């Protein structure tokens, strides 16, 4: 059973925005009996991983968090939440699983909400990826691959989740007690349009604060929106799923 611990990260010593403060307040309301742990420069040892240290030294906070979220879940178990996740309902019903995740509505796994017992095989596999890769690549370039792509690739190759474009609105049960929930459970907000399509089963809203987005990513977001408009969402999701699978086969070797 997953312990009643909520982990979140706050690196960079910046002031928390009103949105983030409201989201954290919602956790305390919906999960009052949980321990809530903030991971930051004062309590996390960056010697644990080169990828995380390099991301921290270059002030790429989101990529620091990509490592830290899976590291602390592996060490302690519990639920990791992005700071821009608003809870609408308690998380307790999901703690009976060995691990749980949710889909986004863009043919990827969401990593804004991750729950797992400590030492879960999936979390250990993600840590293995970070142990083999550096954040700073040749010629000083950064490895800007989000963990949504990394985890989606692992699930595609090693857990048999091959058709995310056909599965993102379903509850999927995989090996090692891993449960993946439909997009509207944990992530009912469309990150491209900002539209929230919650229903009575929605547990959280990921508000996609996107503080790590570069100009390149913002332009790409507009291009994707145009593609969806031109070819339709279903065709886009099928295309996106194939691209993700190809990309992840390369980076998860």
Protein backbone atom coordinates (compact mmCIF):
# COMPACT_ATOMS: atom_id res chain seq x y z
CA UNK A 1 0.00 0.00 0.00
CA UNK A 2 1.20 3.50 -0.83
CA UNK A 3 1.95 5.56 2.30
CA UNK A 4 0.11 8.81 3.07
CA UNK A 5 2.91 11.13 2.03
CA UNK A 6 2.72 13.96 -0.51
CA UNK A 7 6.05 15.00 -2.01
CA UNK A 8 6.60 18.20 -3.93
CA UNK A 9 9.65 20.13 -5.09
CA UNK A 10 10.59 23.77 -4.85
CA UNK A 11 14.08 24.59 -6.10
CA UNK A 12 15.48 28.01 -6.90
CA UNK A 13 14.27 29.77 -3.73
CA UNK A 14 11.72 31.82 -5.65
CA UNK A 15 8.53 33.07 -4.07
CA UNK A 16 5.55 30.80 -4.64
CA UNK A 17 2.84 32.29 -6.83
CA UNK A 18 -0.75 32.65 -5.73
CA UNK A 19 -1.73 29.67 -7.92
CA UNK A 20 0.89 27.43 -6.31
CA UNK A 21 -0.11 28.50 -2.80
CA UNK A 22 -3.75 27.75 -3.60
CA UNK A 23 -2.87 24.35 -5.03
CA UNK A 24 -0.85 23.37 -1.94
CA UNK A 25 -3.72 24.58 0.25
CA UNK A 26 -6.05 22.22 -1.64
CA UNK A 27 -3.83 19.26 -0.71
CA UNK A 28 -4.16 20.10 2.97
CA UNK A 29 -7.92 20.32 2.63
CA UNK A 30 -8.37 17.09 0.67
CA UNK A 31 -5.65 15.05 2.42
CA UNK A 32 -5.45 16.48 5.97
CA UNK A 33 -3.92 13.32 7.45
CA UNK A 34 -1.02 13.17 4.98
CA UNK A 35 2.56 14.20 5.64
CA UNK A 36 3.50 16.88 3.10
CA UNK A 37 7.20 17.15 2.33
CA UNK A 38 8.81 19.96 0.36
CA UNK A 39 12.08 18.98 -1.30
CA UNK A 40 14.50 21.84 -1.89
CA UNK A 41 18.18 22.83 -1.73
CA UNK A 42 18.22 22.45 2.05
CA UNK A 43 17.17 18.81 2.27
CA UNK A 44 18.10 17.18 -1.03
CA UNK A 45 21.60 15.82 -1.69
CA UNK A 46 22.53 16.50 -5.32
CA UNK A 47 25.46 14.12 -5.13
CA UNK A 48 22.85 11.42 -5.66
CA UNK A 49 22.77 12.02 -9.41
CA UNK A 50 24.84 13.83 -12.04
CA UNK A 51 21.80 14.64 -14.22
CA UNK A 52 20.05 16.43 -11.35
CA UNK A 53 23.20 18.28 -10.29
CA UNK A 54 23.86 19.58 -13.81
CA UNK A 55 20.22 20.65 -14.20
CA UNK A 56 20.43 22.46 -10.86
CA UNK A 57 23.70 24.20 -11.72
CA UNK A 58 22.13 25.49 -14.96
CA UNK A 59 18.94 26.52 -13.12
CA UNK A 60 16.69 24.25 -15.18
CA UNK A 61 14.42 23.59 -12.23
CA UNK A 62 11.83 21.45 -14.00
CA UNK A 63 14.50 18.95 -15.03
CA UNK A 64 15.85 18.89 -11.49
CA UNK A 65 12.36 17.94 -10.42
CA UNK A 66 12.12 15.25 -13.11
CA UNK A 67 14.79 13.32 -11.24
CA UNK A 68 13.90 14.26 -7.68
CA UNK A 69 10.25 13.20 -7.99
CA UNK A 70 11.14 9.62 -8.86
CA UNK A 71 14.08 9.51 -6.45
CA UNK A 72 12.05 10.42 -3.37
CA UNK A 73 9.15 8.14 -4.34
CA UNK A 74 11.60 5.28 -4.75
CA UNK A 75 13.17 6.03 -1.36
CA UNK A 76 10.05 6.70 0.71
CA UNK A 77 6.96 5.82 -1.31
CA UNK A 78 4.00 8.20 -1.46
CA UNK A 79 2.44 10.55 -3.98
CA UNK A 80 4.34 13.18 -5.91
CA UNK A 81 2.39 16.28 -6.99
CA UNK A 82 3.50 19.13 -9.23
CA UNK A 83 3.03 22.43 -7.44
CA UNK A 84 0.41 23.48 -10.00
CA UNK A 85 -1.83 20.49 -9.29
CA UNK A 86 -5.10 21.35 -7.57
CA UNK A 87 -6.80 18.53 -5.67
CA UNK A 88 -10.56 18.23 -6.01
CA UNK A 89 -10.92 14.98 -4.06
CA UNK A 90 -8.87 12.90 -1.62
CA UNK A 91 -6.14 10.65 -3.01
CA UNK A 92 -6.72 7.88 -0.47
CA UNK A 93 -8.75 5.51 -2.74
CA UNK A 94 -5.71 5.23 -5.03
CA UNK A 95 -3.27 4.27 -2.28
CA UNK A 96 -4.40 0.64 -2.48
CA UNK A 97 -2.43 0.25 -5.71
CA UNK A 98 1.24 -0.60 -5.92
CA UNK A 99 1.58 2.40 -8.24
CA UNK A 100 -0.66 4.75 -10.22
CA UNK A 101 -0.38 7.37 -12.93
CA UNK A 102 -2.76 9.14 -15.27
CA UNK A 103 -2.92 9.96 -18.95
CA UNK A 104 -2.83 13.41 -20.45
CA UNK A 105 -5.09 13.98 -23.44
CA UNK A 106 -2.12 14.32 -25.81
CA UNK A 107 -0.98 10.68 -26.14
CA UNK A 108 1.45 10.88 -23.23
CA UNK A 109 1.55 9.80 -19.61
CA UNK A 110 1.15 12.62 -17.10
CA UNK A 111 3.85 12.86 -14.45
CA UNK A 112 2.22 15.69 -12.50
CA UNK A 113 0.64 13.06 -10.24
CA UNK A 114 2.64 9.91 -9.47
CA UNK A 115 1.88 7.47 -6.68
CA UNK A 116 3.93 4.39 -5.81
CA UNK A 117 5.19 2.19 -3.04
CA UNK A 118 8.90 2.54 -2.43
CA UNK A 119 11.15 0.50 -4.71
CA UNK A 120 8.46 0.00 -7.32
CA UNK A 121 9.94 -1.53 -10.54
CA UNK A 122 8.70 1.29 -12.81
CA UNK A 123 10.19 4.02 -10.64
CA UNK A 124 13.47 2.12 -10.38
CA UNK A 125 13.52 1.79 -14.19
CA UNK A 126 13.08 5.56 -14.62
CA UNK A 127 15.92 6.17 -12.14
CA UNK A 128 18.07 3.86 -14.24
CA UNK A 129 17.54 6.16 -17.21
CA UNK A 130 18.75 9.18 -15.23
CA UNK A 131 21.76 7.27 -13.89
CA UNK A 132 22.91 6.60 -17.46
CA UNK A 133 22.37 10.07 -18.88
CA UNK A 134 23.74 13.56 -18.31
CA UNK A 135 21.76 16.78 -18.53
CA UNK A 136 24.59 18.63 -20.27
CA UNK A 137 25.32 16.99 -23.62
CA UNK A 138 28.05 17.54 -26.19
CA UNK A 139 28.87 21.14 -27.08
CA UNK A 140 27.04 22.32 -23.97
CA UNK A 141 23.56 21.45 -25.19
CA UNK A 142 20.95 20.46 -22.64
CA UNK A 143 18.90 17.27 -22.57
CA UNK A 144 15.45 18.86 -22.68
CA UNK A 145 13.49 15.61 -22.92
CA UNK A 146 10.56 15.80 -20.47
CA UNK A 147 9.94 12.82 -18.26
CA UNK A 148 6.48 12.37 -19.78
CA UNK A 149 8.25 11.15 -22.93
CA UNK A 150 10.73 9.01 -20.97
CA UNK A 151 8.06 7.25 -18.91
CA UNK A 152 5.71 6.86 -21.89
CA UNK A 153 8.55 5.16 -23.75
CA UNK A 154 9.31 2.76 -20.90
CA UNK A 155 5.65 1.83 -20.64
CA UNK A 156 5.48 1.33 -24.39
CA UNK A 157 8.56 -0.89 -24.60
CA UNK A 158 8.50 -2.76 -21.29
CA UNK A 159 4.90 -2.73 -20.05
CA UNK A 160 3.06 -3.35 -23.31
CA UNK A 161 1.31 0.02 -23.44
CA UNK A 162 1.57 0.31 -27.22
CA UNK A 163 -1.51 2.30 -28.22
CA UNK A 164 -1.75 5.31 -25.93
CA UNK A 165 -3.80 7.16 -28.55
CA UNK A 166 -6.50 4.49 -28.09
CA UNK A 167 -6.10 4.13 -24.31
CA UNK A 168 -5.91 7.61 -22.81
CA UNK A 169 -9.61 7.64 -21.90
CA UNK A 170 -9.49 4.20 -20.23
CA UNK A 171 -8.38 2.71 -16.91
CA UNK A 172 -5.45 0.42 -17.70
CA UNK A 173 -3.97 -2.19 -15.35
CA UNK A 174 -0.42 -3.32 -16.08
CA UNK A 175 2.17 -5.55 -14.44
CA UNK A 176 3.68 -4.82 -11.02
CA UNK A 177 0.33 -3.51 -9.77
CA UNK A 178 0.55 -0.37 -11.94
CA UNK A 179 -2.75 1.38 -12.67
CA UNK A 180 -3.05 4.16 -15.25
CA UNK A 181 -6.19 6.29 -15.12
CA UNK A 182 -8.04 8.19 -17.88
CA UNK A 183 -6.99 11.76 -18.64
CA UNK A 184 -10.07 13.25 -16.98
CA UNK A 185 -9.16 11.80 -13.55
CA UNK A 186 -5.90 13.65 -12.84
CA UNK A 187 -5.40 15.95 -15.84
CA UNK A 188 -8.70 17.24 -17.29
CA UNK A 189 -7.15 20.50 -18.51
CA UNK A 190 -6.00 20.66 -22.12
CA UNK A 191 -2.47 22.11 -22.06
CA UNK A 192 -2.87 23.60 -25.55
CA UNK A 193 -6.26 25.28 -25.26
CA UNK A 194 -6.50 25.73 -21.49
CA UNK A 195 -9.98 24.21 -21.55
CA UNK A 196 -10.92 22.21 -18.43
CA UNK A 197 -13.19 19.22 -19.07
CA UNK A 198 -13.68 17.86 -15.57
CA UNK A 199 -16.47 15.52 -14.51
CA UNK A 200 -17.74 13.99 -11.28
CA UNK A 201 -14.82 11.52 -11.27
CA UNK A 202 -12.06 14.13 -11.61
CA UNK A 203 -9.63 14.06 -8.69
CA UNK A 204 -7.24 16.84 -9.67
CA UNK A 205 -6.49 19.54 -12.21
CA UNK A 206 -3.00 20.04 -13.55
CA UNK A 207 -2.89 23.73 -14.41
CA UNK A 208 0.24 23.48 -16.62
CA UNK A 209 2.01 26.46 -15.15
CA UNK A 210 4.83 25.65 -17.59
CA UNK A 211 7.54 27.77 -16.01
CA UNK A 212 10.20 25.70 -17.80
CA UNK A 213 8.85 26.39 -21.29
CA UNK A 214 11.35 28.08 -23.62
CA UNK A 215 10.35 30.20 -26.60
CA UNK A 216 10.92 27.12 -28.74
CA UNK A 217 8.40 25.12 -26.69
CA UNK A 218 5.83 27.93 -26.84
CA UNK A 219 6.14 28.08 -30.64
CA UNK A 220 5.82 24.29 -30.80
CA UNK A 221 2.66 24.50 -28.72
CA UNK A 222 1.13 26.84 -31.30
CA UNK A 223 2.19 24.53 -34.14
CA UNK A 224 0.54 21.58 -32.41
CA UNK A 225 -2.67 23.55 -31.92
CA UNK A 226 -2.68 24.30 -35.65
CA UNK A 227 -2.13 20.62 -36.48
CA UNK A 228 -5.06 19.58 -34.31
CA UNK A 229 -7.24 22.16 -36.04
CA UNK A 230 -6.16 21.02 -39.53
CA UNK A 231 -6.14 17.21 -39.23
CA UNK A 232 -8.38 16.64 -36.21
CA UNK A 233 -7.57 15.50 -32.69
CA UNK A 234 -7.86 11.74 -33.32
CA UNK A 235 -5.43 11.76 -36.27
CA UNK A 236 -3.06 13.99 -34.31
CA UNK A 237 -3.09 11.60 -31.33
CA UNK A 238 -2.31 8.61 -33.55
CA UNK A 239 0.57 10.52 -35.15
CA UNK A 240 1.81 11.76 -31.78
CA UNK A 241 1.72 8.24 -30.35
CA UNK A 242 3.86 6.89 -33.21
CA UNK A 243 6.36 9.75 -32.86
CA UNK A 244 6.56 9.21 -29.09
CA UNK A 245 7.19 5.50 -29.53
CA UNK A 246 9.99 6.14 -32.03
CA UNK A 247 11.58 8.84 -29.86
CA UNK A 248 11.42 6.75 -26.72
CA UNK A 249 12.94 3.70 -28.37
CA UNK A 250 16.00 5.86 -29.03
CA UNK A 251 16.33 7.54 -25.64
CA UNK A 252 15.45 4.58 -23.40
CA UNK A 253 18.08 2.18 -24.70
